[in-house]
Amino acid sequence: MAIDEKVTLDRLSYVVYEHPDLQKFRSFAKDFGLEEVEYGAEKDTALFRGYGKDQYVYVAHQAPSESSPRFCGSGFHARSSEDFEKASSIEGAQQVDISPRPGKGKMITLHDPNGYEIQVLWDQEERTPPEHGISVCTGGHPPMNGALEKHRKGDYTRMIDSPAMVHKLGHFGYETDNYDSTCAWYTKHFNFRPTDVLYAPANKSLDVATFFRVDIGKEYVDHHCFLITRSEKSGTKVHHSSFEVEDIDTQFMGHQWLADRGHELVWGIGRHVHGSQVFDYWYDPSHVIIEHYADGDLVNEDTELVHAAAGHMAVWGPPVPIVWGGKKLISA
């Protein structure tokens, strides 16, 4: 497919999950820093937003009786009406009425090679973000005093005890035994571009993970909006979804807030290699991994592709947990 035939997506907006106990997830989401939207048009559905421009960043459905939690898919916003029309013409695309939802707009759904939904939006009214990011630091995050350069003079750093309020959805990731055709499908139809590609340490010719971003030319975007990894096991499984917070102090205070309320830590706090963000992973009540992150990299078309060996996941932080292939359990 030629470049001008691809659908140009503007950004990742939200993820969609099913939970066996929607009420338990509602309680966790509040502690995690997500704000529930007043919405009753869809039975057994809850919408959660951050303080950014997206109307919602997380769509949660009540799972059918006796069903396991399930990752259903993700929602992206098209760059233009022409791009939305291109998405509508992809084989299998279906129009969905989202006029009852906040911000209204238009939506089509597609299914990727693993059956996950890709929902493409257009003309949804955006929310007005605050002038500054929401920090736990009173008055906003202050300047840092370094060893030689002191920028904060005469002011104290004081913080409030609260959740780490979410700004937006940053990325999601899943693993699949259908890795090659999955990567090919996404790059064929959309403006997804690899930022980092990781290969098996013992076989440089075998790619095992790709960090994809939306490619909007000179415009800077997040290092990645989704991650696909090659699974050694049969099938496909979501790994995590990640949400941005304002600063590292907010992240640490949010970590303590979740720990004090008995939620289960997966891994954190630490700093990743690929994307550079400070990470903090938790299990929600459905035992699905969800992440806070802060201070991630921005890239554009001038950023060179990184091809590196897999396995180096953190610059600093706790030992890698079993769920990431490590040997240790992590506790809060």
C-alpha atoms as a PDB file:
ATOM      1  CA  MET A   1       0.000   0.000   0.000  1.00  0.00           C
ATOM      2  CA  ALA A   2       1.366   3.424  -0.969  1.00  0.00           C
ATOM      3  CA  ILE A   3       2.034   5.926   1.801  1.00  0.00           C
ATOM      4  CA  ASP A   4      -0.783   8.251   0.693  1.00  0.00           C
ATOM      5  CA  GLU A   5      -3.226   5.325   0.838  1.00  0.00           C
ATOM      6  CA  LYS A   6      -2.503   4.692   4.498  1.00  0.00           C
ATOM      7  CA  VAL A   7      -4.816   6.015   7.189  1.00  0.00           C
ATOM      8  CA  THR A   8      -3.078   8.770   9.133  1.00  0.00           C
ATOM      9  CA  LEU A   9      -3.978   8.549  12.806  1.00  0.00           C
ATOM     10  CA  ASP A  10      -3.508  11.557  15.048  1.00  0.00           C
ATOM     11  CA  ARG A  11      -3.214   9.834  18.409  1.00  0.00           C
ATOM     12  CA  LEU A  12      -4.168   6.928  20.632  1.00  0.00           C
ATOM     13  CA  SER A  13      -7.229   7.837  22.716  1.00  0.00           C
ATOM     14  CA  TYR A  14      -8.452   4.895  24.805  1.00  0.00           C
ATOM     15  CA  VAL A  15      -8.405   1.170  25.529  1.00  0.00           C
ATOM     16  CA  VAL A  16     -11.378  -1.165  25.951  1.00  0.00           C
ATOM     17  CA  TYR A  17     -11.592  -3.983  28.506  1.00  0.00           C
ATOM     18  CA  GLU A  18     -14.166  -6.353  29.964  1.00  0.00           C
ATOM     19  CA  HIS A  19     -14.053  -6.951  33.732  1.00  0.00           C
ATOM     20  CA  PRO A  20     -15.802  -9.726  35.702  1.00  0.00           C
ATOM     21  CA  ASP A  21     -16.634  -7.222  38.476  1.00  0.00           C
ATOM     22  CA  LEU A  22     -17.146  -3.735  37.080  1.00  0.00           C
ATOM     23  CA  GLN A  23     -17.832  -2.265  40.525  1.00  0.00           C
ATOM     24  CA  LYS A  24     -14.463  -3.425  41.842  1.00  0.00           C
ATOM     25  CA  PHE A  25     -12.756  -1.880  38.840  1.00  0.00           C
ATOM     26  CA  ARG A  26     -14.604   1.403  39.432  1.00  0.00           C
ATOM     27  CA  SER A  27     -13.148   1.559  42.935  1.00  0.00           C
ATOM     28  CA  PHE A  28      -9.645   0.769  41.713  1.00  0.00           C
ATOM     29  CA  ALA A  29      -9.876   3.292  38.873  1.00  0.00           C
ATOM     30  CA  LYS A  30     -10.582   6.069  41.369  1.00  0.00           C
ATOM     31  CA  ASP A  31      -7.487   5.114  43.384  1.00  0.00           C
ATOM     32  CA  PHE A  32      -5.489   4.949  40.155  1.00  0.00           C
ATOM     33  CA  GLY A  33      -6.377   8.528  39.235  1.00  0.00           C
ATOM     34  CA  LEU A  34      -9.037   7.950  36.586  1.00  0.00           C
ATOM     35  CA  GLU A  35     -12.245   9.995  36.761  1.00  0.00           C
ATOM     36  CA  GLU A  36     -15.499   8.260  35.884  1.00  0.00           C
ATOM     37  CA  VAL A  37     -17.644  10.070  33.330  1.00  0.00           C
ATOM     38  CA  GLU A  38     -21.365  10.440  33.990  1.00  0.00           C
ATOM     39  CA  TYR A  39     -22.749   8.066  31.391  1.00  0.00           C
ATOM     40  CA  GLY A  40     -25.646   5.649  31.309  1.00  0.00           C
ATOM     41  CA  ALA A  41     -26.436   5.158  27.637  1.00  0.00           C
ATOM     42  CA  GLU A  42     -24.755   1.732  27.410  1.00  0.00           C
ATOM     43  CA  LYS A  43     -25.768  -0.924  29.891  1.00  0.00           C
ATOM     44  CA  ASP A  44     -22.950  -2.308  32.047  1.00  0.00           C
ATOM     45  CA  THR A  45     -20.417   0.138  30.590  1.00  0.00           C
ATOM     46  CA  ALA A  46     -18.308   2.731  32.382  1.00  0.00           C
ATOM     47  CA  LEU A  47     -16.180   5.446  30.801  1.00  0.00           C
ATOM     48  CA  PHE A  48     -13.144   6.942  32.532  1.00  0.00           C
ATOM     49  CA  ARG A  49     -11.207  10.035  31.558  1.00  0.00           C
ATOM     50  CA  GLY A  50      -7.998  11.806  32.368  1.00  0.00           C
ATOM     51  CA  TYR A  51      -7.615  15.562  32.472  1.00  0.00           C
ATOM     52  CA  GLY A  52      -6.394  15.769  28.868  1.00  0.00           C
ATOM     53  CA  LYS A  53      -8.350  16.484  25.698  1.00  0.00           C
ATOM     54  CA  ASP A  54      -9.797  13.005  25.168  1.00  0.00           C
ATOM     55  CA  GLN A  55     -13.380  12.503  26.322  1.00  0.00           C
ATOM     56  CA  TYR A  56     -12.423   9.125  27.789  1.00  0.00           C
ATOM     57  CA  VAL A  57      -9.227   7.118  28.014  1.00  0.00           C
ATOM     58  CA  TYR A  58     -10.629   3.825  29.315  1.00  0.00           C
ATOM     59  CA  VAL A  59     -13.835   2.008  28.352  1.00  0.00           C
ATOM     60  CA  ALA A  60     -14.815  -0.727  30.813  1.00  0.00           C
ATOM     61  CA  HIS A  61     -17.562  -3.251  30.108  1.00  0.00           C
ATOM     62  CA  GLN A  62     -19.075  -5.757  32.503  1.00  0.00           C
ATOM     63  CA  ALA A  63     -17.887  -9.164  31.291  1.00  0.00           C
ATOM     64  CA  PRO A  64     -20.487 -11.860  30.610  1.00  0.00           C
ATOM     65  CA  SER A  65     -21.296 -14.090  33.571  1.00  0.00           C
ATOM     66  CA  GLU A  66     -18.438 -16.391  34.618  1.00  0.00           C
ATOM     67  CA  SER A  67     -16.157 -14.928  31.933  1.00  0.00           C
ATOM     68  CA  SER A  68     -12.519 -13.969  32.377  1.00  0.00           C
ATOM     69  CA  PRO A  69     -11.273 -10.392  32.000  1.00  0.00           C
ATOM     70  CA  ARG A  70     -10.633  -9.506  28.380  1.00  0.00           C
ATOM     71  CA  PHE A  71      -8.762  -6.863  26.416  1.00  0.00           C
ATOM     72  CA  CYS A  72     -11.135  -5.895  23.612  1.00  0.00           C
ATOM     73  CA  GLY A  73      -9.082  -3.325  21.732  1.00  0.00           C
ATOM     74  CA  SER A  74      -8.134   0.318  21.404  1.00  0.00           C
ATOM     75  CA  GLY A  75      -9.394   3.600  19.996  1.00  0.00           C
ATOM     76  CA  PHE A  76      -7.451   6.047  17.831  1.00  0.00           C
ATOM     77  CA  HIS A  77      -8.396   9.453  16.449  1.00  0.00           C
ATOM     78  CA  ALA A  78      -8.061  10.014  12.698  1.00  0.00           C
ATOM     79  CA  ARG A  79      -5.998  12.951  11.475  1.00  0.00           C
ATOM     80  CA  SER A  80      -8.656  14.186   9.007  1.00  0.00           C
ATOM     81  CA  SER A  81     -12.074  13.399   7.579  1.00  0.00           C
ATOM     82  CA  GLU A  82     -10.307  11.947   4.524  1.00  0.00           C
ATOM     83  CA  ASP A  83      -8.358   9.584   6.757  1.00  0.00           C
ATOM     84  CA  PHE A  84     -11.562   8.527   8.488  1.00  0.00           C
ATOM     85  CA  GLU A  85     -13.075   7.734   5.092  1.00  0.00           C
ATOM     86  CA  LYS A  86      -9.975   5.698   4.193  1.00  0.00           C
ATOM     87  CA  ALA A  87     -10.372   3.723   7.416  1.00  0.00           C
ATOM     88  CA  SER A  88     -14.040   3.149   6.568  1.00  0.00           C
ATOM     89  CA  SER A  89     -13.023   1.539   3.272  1.00  0.00           C
ATOM     90  CA  ILE A  90     -10.681  -1.051   4.834  1.00  0.00           C
ATOM     91  CA  GLU A  91     -12.048  -4.567   4.509  1.00  0.00           C
ATOM     92  CA  GLY A  92     -14.200  -5.474   7.493  1.00  0.00           C
ATOM     93  CA  ALA A  93     -14.785  -1.893   8.679  1.00  0.00           C
ATOM     94  CA  GLN A  94     -18.139  -1.277  10.358  1.00  0.00           C
ATOM     95  CA  GLN A  95     -19.796   1.990  11.342  1.00  0.00           C
ATOM     96  CA  VAL A  96     -20.808   2.302  15.005  1.00  0.00           C
ATOM     97  CA  ASP A  97     -23.140   4.936  16.429  1.00  0.00           C
ATOM     98  CA  ILE A  98     -21.392   6.726  19.308  1.00  0.00           C
ATOM     99  CA  SER A  99     -23.647   9.798  19.330  1.00  0.00           C
ATOM    100  CA  PRO A 100     -24.799   9.075  22.923  1.00  0.00           C
ATOM    101  CA  ARG A 101     -21.198   9.163  24.182  1.00  0.00           C
ATOM    102  CA  PRO A 102     -19.518  12.301  25.512  1.00  0.00           C
ATOM    103  CA  GLY A 103     -18.172  14.371  22.623  1.00  0.00           C
ATOM    104  CA  LYS A 104     -20.291  12.420  20.113  1.00  0.00           C
ATOM    105  CA  GLY A 105     -18.358  12.001  16.842  1.00  0.00           C
ATOM    106  CA  LYS A 106     -18.129   9.153  14.332  1.00  0.00           C
ATOM    107  CA  MET A 107     -16.538   5.726  14.741  1.00  0.00           C
ATOM    108  CA  ILE A 108     -15.683   2.688  12.683  1.00  0.00           C
ATOM    109  CA  THR A 109     -14.337  -0.596  14.013  1.00  0.00           C
ATOM    110  CA  LEU A 110     -11.843  -2.984  12.452  1.00  0.00           C
ATOM    111  CA  HIS A 111     -10.276  -6.189  13.690  1.00  0.00           C
ATOM    112  CA  ASP A 112      -6.544  -6.757  13.598  1.00  0.00           C
ATOM    113  CA  PRO A 113      -5.098 -10.212  12.739  1.00  0.00           C
ATOM    114  CA  ASN A 114      -5.538 -11.324  16.355  1.00  0.00           C
ATOM    115  CA  GLY A 115      -9.182 -10.318  16.643  1.00  0.00           C
ATOM    116  CA  TYR A 116      -8.640  -7.155  18.682  1.00  0.00           C
ATOM    117  CA  GLU A 117     -10.734  -4.150  17.740  1.00  0.00           C
ATOM    118  CA  ILE A 118      -9.167  -1.028  16.302  1.00  0.00           C
ATOM    119  CA  GLN A 119     -11.721   1.741  16.706  1.00  0.00           C
ATOM    120  CA  VAL A 120     -11.111   4.854  14.612  1.00  0.00           C
ATOM    121  CA  LEU A 121     -12.803   8.103  15.645  1.00  0.00           C
ATOM    122  CA  TRP A 122     -13.416  11.345  13.850  1.00  0.00           C
ATOM    123  CA  ASP A 123     -15.051  14.655  14.744  1.00  0.00           C
ATOM    124  CA  GLN A 124     -15.341  13.931  18.448  1.00  0.00           C
ATOM    125  CA  GLU A 125     -15.434  17.149  20.445  1.00  0.00           C
ATOM    126  CA  GLU A 126     -12.287  17.558  22.529  1.00  0.00           C
ATOM    127  CA  ARG A 127     -12.209  18.568  26.168  1.00  0.00           C
ATOM    128  CA  THR A 128     -10.287  21.662  27.260  1.00  0.00           C
ATOM    129  CA  PRO A 129      -7.234  20.593  29.282  1.00  0.00           C
ATOM    130  CA  PRO A 130      -6.075  22.646  32.259  1.00  0.00           C
ATOM    131  CA  GLU A 131      -3.372  25.234  31.698  1.00  0.00           C
ATOM    132  CA  HIS A 132      -0.866  23.079  33.580  1.00  0.00           C
ATOM    133  CA  GLY A 133      -0.564  19.372  34.354  1.00  0.00           C
ATOM    134  CA  ILE A 134      -2.063  18.179  37.641  1.00  0.00           C
ATOM    135  CA  SER A 135       0.721  17.505  40.132  1.00  0.00           C
ATOM    136  CA  VAL A 136       0.622  16.413  43.771  1.00  0.00           C
ATOM    137  CA  CYS A 137       2.945  19.360  44.419  1.00  0.00           C
ATOM    138  CA  THR A 138       0.974  22.333  45.690  1.00  0.00           C
ATOM    139  CA  GLY A 139       1.125  25.097  43.117  1.00  0.00           C
ATOM    140  CA  GLY A 140       2.462  22.703  40.480  1.00  0.00           C
ATOM    141  CA  HIS A 141       5.806  20.967  40.277  1.00  0.00           C
ATOM    142  CA  PRO A 142       8.520  23.443  41.347  1.00  0.00           C
ATOM    143  CA  PRO A 143      11.931  23.921  39.710  1.00  0.00           C
ATOM    144  CA  MET A 144      14.585  21.431  40.797  1.00  0.00           C
ATOM    145  CA  ASN A 145      17.609  22.504  42.815  1.00  0.00           C
ATOM    146  CA  GLY A 146      20.690  20.815  41.389  1.00  0.00           C
ATOM    147  CA  ALA A 147      24.092  20.553  43.028  1.00  0.00           C
ATOM    148  CA  LEU A 148      25.437  23.689  41.344  1.00  0.00           C
ATOM    149  CA  GLU A 149      22.406  25.383  39.796  1.00  0.00           C
ATOM    150  CA  LYS A 150      19.717  26.422  42.278  1.00  0.00           C
ATOM    151  CA  HIS A 151      16.456  27.532  40.670  1.00  0.00           C
ATOM    152  CA  ARG A 152      14.050  27.204  43.620  1.00  0.00           C
ATOM    153  CA  LYS A 153      14.831  29.967  46.093  1.00  0.00           C
ATOM    154  CA  GLY A 154      12.641  30.956  49.019  1.00  0.00           C
ATOM    155  CA  ASP A 155       9.929  28.418  48.117  1.00  0.00           C
ATOM    156  CA  TYR A 156       9.209  25.062  49.739  1.00  0.00           C
ATOM    157  CA  THR A 157       8.187  21.833  48.025  1.00  0.00           C
ATOM    158  CA  ARG A 158       4.957  20.611  49.604  1.00  0.00           C
ATOM    159  CA  MET A 159       2.696  17.801  48.398  1.00  0.00           C
ATOM    160  CA  ILE A 160      -0.825  16.574  48.931  1.00  0.00           C
ATOM    161  CA  ASP A 161      -1.752  12.981  49.716  1.00  0.00           C
ATOM    162  CA  SER A 162      -3.793  11.889  46.709  1.00  0.00           C
ATOM    163  CA  PRO A 163      -3.955   9.548  43.728  1.00  0.00           C
ATOM    164  CA  ALA A 164      -1.698  10.265  40.775  1.00  0.00           C
ATOM    165  CA  MET A 165      -4.200  11.932  38.460  1.00  0.00           C
ATOM    166  CA  VAL A 166      -4.048  10.549  34.928  1.00  0.00           C
ATOM    167  CA  HIS A 167      -3.489  12.891  31.991  1.00  0.00           C
ATOM    168  CA  LYS A 168      -3.964  10.496  29.068  1.00  0.00           C
ATOM    169  CA  LEU A 169      -3.511   6.987  27.751  1.00  0.00           C
ATOM    170  CA  GLY A 170       0.055   6.656  26.511  1.00  0.00           C
ATOM    171  CA  HIS A 171       0.317   3.139  25.109  1.00  0.00           C
ATOM    172  CA  PHE A 172      -0.716  -0.487  25.352  1.00  0.00           C
ATOM    173  CA  GLY A 173       1.131  -3.694  24.570  1.00  0.00           C
ATOM    174  CA  TYR A 174       0.366  -7.295  23.765  1.00  0.00           C
ATOM    175  CA  GLU A 175       2.195 -10.479  22.873  1.00  0.00           C
ATOM    176  CA  THR A 176       1.265 -12.786  20.011  1.00  0.00           C
ATOM    177  CA  ASP A 177       2.446 -15.880  18.175  1.00  0.00           C
ATOM    178  CA  ASN A 178       1.285 -14.032  15.054  1.00  0.00           C
ATOM    179  CA  TYR A 179       3.965 -11.347  15.394  1.00  0.00           C
ATOM    180  CA  ASP A 180       5.159 -10.867  11.809  1.00  0.00           C
ATOM    181  CA  SER A 181       1.753 -10.641  10.148  1.00  0.00           C
ATOM    182  CA  THR A 182       0.477  -8.443  12.990  1.00  0.00           C
ATOM    183  CA  CYS A 183       3.268  -5.906  12.496  1.00  0.00           C
ATOM    184  CA  ALA A 184       2.738  -6.042   8.725  1.00  0.00           C
ATOM    185  CA  TRP A 185      -1.010  -5.409   9.047  1.00  0.00           C
ATOM    186  CA  TYR A 186      -0.607  -2.335  11.232  1.00  0.00           C
ATOM    187  CA  THR A 187       2.062  -0.753   9.048  1.00  0.00           C
ATOM    188  CA  LYS A 188       0.171  -1.572   5.846  1.00  0.00           C
ATOM    189  CA  HIS A 189      -3.031   0.195   6.836  1.00  0.00           C
ATOM    190  CA  PHE A 190      -1.912   2.977   9.183  1.00  0.00           C
ATOM    191  CA  ASN A 191       0.874   5.502   9.733  1.00  0.00           C
ATOM    192  CA  PHE A 192       2.538   3.366  12.400  1.00  0.00           C
ATOM    193  CA  ARG A 193       6.312   3.509  12.349  1.00  0.00           C
ATOM    194  CA  PRO A 194       8.777   1.495  14.428  1.00  0.00           C
ATOM    195  CA  THR A 195      10.822   3.542  16.881  1.00  0.00           C
ATOM    196  CA  ASP A 196      12.710   0.661  18.502  1.00  0.00           C
ATOM    197  CA  VAL A 197      12.911  -2.934  17.267  1.00  0.00           C
ATOM    198  CA  LEU A 198      14.354  -5.557  19.615  1.00  0.00           C
ATOM    199  CA  TYR A 199      15.907  -8.823  18.489  1.00  0.00           C
ATOM    200  CA  ALA A 200      16.582 -12.110  20.260  1.00  0.00           C
ATOM    201  CA  PRO A 201      19.980 -11.866  22.001  1.00  0.00           C
ATOM    202  CA  ALA A 202      21.062 -15.195  20.511  1.00  0.00           C
ATOM    203  CA  ASN A 203      19.723 -14.443  17.018  1.00  0.00           C
ATOM    204  CA  LYS A 204      20.044 -10.899  15.678  1.00  0.00           C
ATOM    205  CA  SER A 205      17.945 -11.786  12.639  1.00  0.00           C
ATOM    206  CA  LEU A 206      14.903 -12.656  14.789  1.00  0.00           C
ATOM    207  CA  ASP A 207      12.900  -9.590  15.844  1.00  0.00           C
ATOM    208  CA  VAL A 208      10.935 -10.177  19.039  1.00  0.00           C
ATOM    209  CA  ALA A 209       9.427  -6.775  19.896  1.00  0.00           C
ATOM    210  CA  THR A 210       8.500  -3.554  18.118  1.00  0.00           C
ATOM    211  CA  PHE A 211       7.649  -0.207  19.693  1.00  0.00           C
ATOM    212  CA  PHE A 212       5.307   1.600  17.276  1.00  0.00           C
ATOM    213  CA  ARG A 213       4.458   5.304  17.163  1.00  0.00           C
ATOM    214  CA  VAL A 214       2.136   7.348  14.975  1.00  0.00           C
ATOM    215  CA  ASP A 215       4.274   9.011  12.313  1.00  0.00           C
ATOM    216  CA  ILE A 216       3.215  12.634  11.774  1.00  0.00           C
ATOM    217  CA  GLY A 217       6.344  13.905  10.054  1.00  0.00           C
ATOM    218  CA  LYS A 218       8.156  16.704  11.873  1.00  0.00           C
ATOM    219  CA  GLU A 219       5.616  16.789  14.685  1.00  0.00           C
ATOM    220  CA  TYR A 220       6.955  15.263  17.895  1.00  0.00           C
ATOM    221  CA  VAL A 221       4.969  12.347  19.284  1.00  0.00           C
ATOM    222  CA  ASP A 222       5.347   9.831  22.103  1.00  0.00           C
ATOM    223  CA  HIS A 223       8.131   7.255  21.661  1.00  0.00           C
ATOM    224  CA  HIS A 224       5.462   4.580  21.238  1.00  0.00           C
ATOM    225  CA  CYS A 225       1.701   4.220  21.385  1.00  0.00           C
ATOM    226  CA  PHE A 226       1.678   0.435  21.295  1.00  0.00           C
ATOM    227  CA  LEU A 227       4.075  -2.464  21.615  1.00  0.00           C
ATOM    228  CA  ILE A 228       3.899  -5.859  19.926  1.00  0.00           C
ATOM    229  CA  THR A 229       6.047  -8.728  21.215  1.00  0.00           C
ATOM    230  CA  ARG A 230       6.629 -12.205  19.800  1.00  0.00           C
ATOM    231  CA  SER A 231       5.136 -14.900  22.022  1.00  0.00           C
ATOM    232  CA  GLU A 232       6.832 -18.255  22.466  1.00  0.00           C
ATOM    233  CA  LYS A 233       3.461 -19.682  23.483  1.00  0.00           C
ATOM    234  CA  SER A 234       0.462 -20.258  21.255  1.00  0.00           C
ATOM    235  CA  GLY A 235      -2.077 -17.451  21.176  1.00  0.00           C
ATOM    236  CA  THR A 236      -2.329 -13.762  21.939  1.00  0.00           C
ATOM    237  CA  LYS A 237      -2.424 -12.005  25.300  1.00  0.00           C
ATOM    238  CA  VAL A 238      -2.541  -8.374  26.357  1.00  0.00           C
ATOM    239  CA  HIS A 239       0.351  -7.311  28.541  1.00  0.00           C
ATOM    240  CA  HIS A 240      -0.508  -3.860  29.887  1.00  0.00           C
ATOM    241  CA  SER A 241      -1.933  -0.407  29.270  1.00  0.00           C
ATOM    242  CA  SER A 242      -0.072   2.705  30.378  1.00  0.00           C
ATOM    243  CA  PHE A 243      -1.298   6.123  31.500  1.00  0.00           C
ATOM    244  CA  GLU A 244       0.662   9.354  31.803  1.00  0.00           C
ATOM    245  CA  VAL A 245       0.970  11.418  34.985  1.00  0.00           C
ATOM    246  CA  GLU A 246       2.517  14.857  35.381  1.00  0.00           C
ATOM    247  CA  ASP A 247       5.825  14.260  37.154  1.00  0.00           C
ATOM    248  CA  ILE A 248       7.879  11.822  39.181  1.00  0.00           C
ATOM    249  CA  ASP A 249       6.731  13.180  42.560  1.00  0.00           C
ATOM    250  CA  THR A 250       3.149  12.595  41.454  1.00  0.00           C
ATOM    251  CA  GLN A 251       4.113   9.083  40.422  1.00  0.00           C
ATOM    252  CA  PHE A 252       5.717   8.265  43.770  1.00  0.00           C
ATOM    253  CA  MET A 253       2.791   9.707  45.728  1.00  0.00           C
ATOM    254  CA  GLY A 254       0.385   7.738  43.536  1.00  0.00           C
ATOM    255  CA  HIS A 255       2.440   4.605  44.202  1.00  0.00           C
ATOM    256  CA  GLN A 256       2.094   5.144  47.943  1.00  0.00           C
ATOM    257  CA  TRP A 257      -1.627   5.858  47.606  1.00  0.00           C
ATOM    258  CA  LEU A 258      -2.216   2.537  45.820  1.00  0.00           C
ATOM    259  CA  ALA A 259       0.005   0.602  48.238  1.00  0.00           C
ATOM    260  CA  ASP A 260      -1.738   2.058  51.305  1.00  0.00           C
ATOM    261  CA  ARG A 261      -5.074   0.858  49.945  1.00  0.00           C
ATOM    262  CA  GLY A 262      -3.917  -2.712  49.497  1.00  0.00           C
ATOM    263  CA  HIS A 263      -3.573  -2.873  45.725  1.00  0.00           C
ATOM    264  CA  GLU A 264      -1.098  -5.364  44.279  1.00  0.00           C
ATOM    265  CA  LEU A 265       2.175  -4.067  42.869  1.00  0.00           C
ATOM    266  CA  VAL A 266       3.684  -5.722  39.793  1.00  0.00           C
ATOM    267  CA  TRP A 267       6.896  -3.776  39.216  1.00  0.00           C
ATOM    268  CA  GLY A 268       8.142  -0.297  40.046  1.00  0.00           C
ATOM    269  CA  ILE A 269       9.124   2.314  40.481  1.00  0.00           C
ATOM    270  CA  GLY A 270      11.932   2.316  37.886  1.00  0.00           C
ATOM    271  CA  ARG A 271      13.056   3.868  34.607  1.00  0.00           C
ATOM    272  CA  HIS A 272      12.797   2.063  31.284  1.00  0.00           C
ATOM    273  CA  VAL A 273      15.458   1.947  28.587  1.00  0.00           C
ATOM    274  CA  HIS A 274      13.201   2.118  25.509  1.00  0.00           C
ATOM    275  CA  GLY A 275      11.105   5.262  25.816  1.00  0.00           C
ATOM    276  CA  SER A 276      12.985   6.349  28.961  1.00  0.00           C
ATOM    277  CA  GLN A 277       9.791   6.758  30.973  1.00  0.00           C
ATOM    278  CA  VAL A 278       9.626   6.243  34.720  1.00  0.00           C
ATOM    279  CA  PHE A 279       7.304   3.259  35.207  1.00  0.00           C
ATOM    280  CA  ASP A 280       5.058   1.867  37.920  1.00  0.00           C
ATOM    281  CA  TYR A 281       3.025  -1.281  37.147  1.00  0.00           C
ATOM    282  CA  TRP A 282       0.066  -2.559  39.186  1.00  0.00           C
ATOM    283  CA  TYR A 283      -2.561  -5.271  38.972  1.00  0.00           C
ATOM    284  CA  ASP A 284      -6.155  -4.086  38.806  1.00  0.00           C
ATOM    285  CA  PRO A 285      -8.853  -6.209  40.563  1.00  0.00           C
ATOM    286  CA  SER A 286      -9.127  -8.416  37.446  1.00  0.00           C
ATOM    287  CA  HIS A 287      -5.377  -9.107  37.674  1.00  0.00           C
ATOM    288  CA  VAL A 288      -4.762  -7.099  34.507  1.00  0.00           C
ATOM    289  CA  ILE A 289      -1.568  -5.013  34.433  1.00  0.00           C
ATOM    290  CA  ILE A 290      -1.950  -1.237  34.337  1.00  0.00           C
ATOM    291  CA  GLU A 291       0.843   1.339  34.441  1.00  0.00           C
ATOM    292  CA  HIS A 292       1.525   4.911  35.478  1.00  0.00           C
ATOM    293  CA  TYR A 293       4.383   6.559  33.599  1.00  0.00           C
ATOM    294  CA  ALA A 294       6.091   9.950  33.571  1.00  0.00           C
ATOM    295  CA  ASP A 295       8.876  11.719  31.663  1.00  0.00           C
ATOM    296  CA  GLY A 296       8.768   9.719  28.424  1.00  0.00           C
ATOM    297  CA  ASP A 297      10.689  10.432  25.212  1.00  0.00           C
ATOM    298  CA  LEU A 298       9.317  12.353  22.225  1.00  0.00           C
ATOM    299  CA  VAL A 299      10.406  11.530  18.663  1.00  0.00           C
ATOM    300  CA  ASN A 300       9.693  12.591  15.081  1.00  0.00           C
ATOM    301  CA  GLU A 301      10.596  11.594  11.521  1.00  0.00           C
ATOM    302  CA  ASP A 302      14.214  12.610  12.083  1.00  0.00           C
ATOM    303  CA  THR A 303      14.626  10.092  14.914  1.00  0.00           C
ATOM    304  CA  GLU A 304      16.724   7.138  13.793  1.00  0.00           C
ATOM    305  CA  LEU A 305      15.392   3.617  14.203  1.00  0.00           C
ATOM    306  CA  VAL A 306      16.935   1.750  17.131  1.00  0.00           C
ATOM    307  CA  HIS A 307      17.715  -1.957  16.626  1.00  0.00           C
ATOM    308  CA  ALA A 308      18.824  -3.498  19.906  1.00  0.00           C
ATOM    309  CA  ALA A 309      18.990  -6.777  21.790  1.00  0.00           C
ATOM    310  CA  ALA A 310      15.976  -7.566  23.952  1.00  0.00           C
ATOM    311  CA  GLY A 311      16.351  -8.009  27.679  1.00  0.00           C
ATOM    312  CA  HIS A 312      17.467  -4.595  28.929  1.00  0.00           C
ATOM    313  CA  MET A 313      14.205  -3.269  30.311  1.00  0.00           C
ATOM    314  CA  ALA A 314      15.218  -0.883  33.072  1.00  0.00           C
ATOM    315  CA  VAL A 315      18.027   1.558  33.771  1.00  0.00           C
ATOM    316  CA  TRP A 316      17.195   1.427  37.472  1.00  0.00           C
ATOM    317  CA  GLY A 317      14.454  -0.023  39.631  1.00  0.00           C
ATOM    318  CA  PRO A 318      13.525  -3.190  41.532  1.00  0.00           C
ATOM    319  CA  PRO A 319      14.478  -6.638  40.207  1.00  0.00           C
ATOM    320  CA  VAL A 320      12.558  -7.741  37.131  1.00  0.00           C
ATOM    321  CA  PRO A 321       9.475  -9.713  38.273  1.00  0.00           C
ATOM    322  CA  ILE A 322       8.465 -13.166  37.114  1.00  0.00           C
ATOM    323  CA  VAL A 323       5.743 -11.799  34.820  1.00  0.00           C
ATOM    324  CA  TRP A 324       8.515 -10.084  32.801  1.00  0.00           C
ATOM    325  CA  GLY A 325      10.713 -13.164  32.761  1.00  0.00           C
ATOM    326  CA  GLY A 326      12.562 -12.326  35.968  1.00  0.00           C
ATOM    327  CA  LYS A 327      13.122 -14.583  38.944  1.00  0.00           C
ATOM    328  CA  LYS A 328      11.714 -12.550  41.823  1.00  0.00           C
ATOM    329  CA  LEU A 329       8.316 -11.632  43.142  1.00  0.00           C
ATOM    330  CA  ILE A 330       7.843  -7.949  43.934  1.00  0.00           C
ATOM    331  CA  SER A 331       5.791  -6.677  46.848  1.00  0.00           C
ATOM    332  CA  ALA A 332       4.712  -3.170  47.763  1.00  0.00           C
END
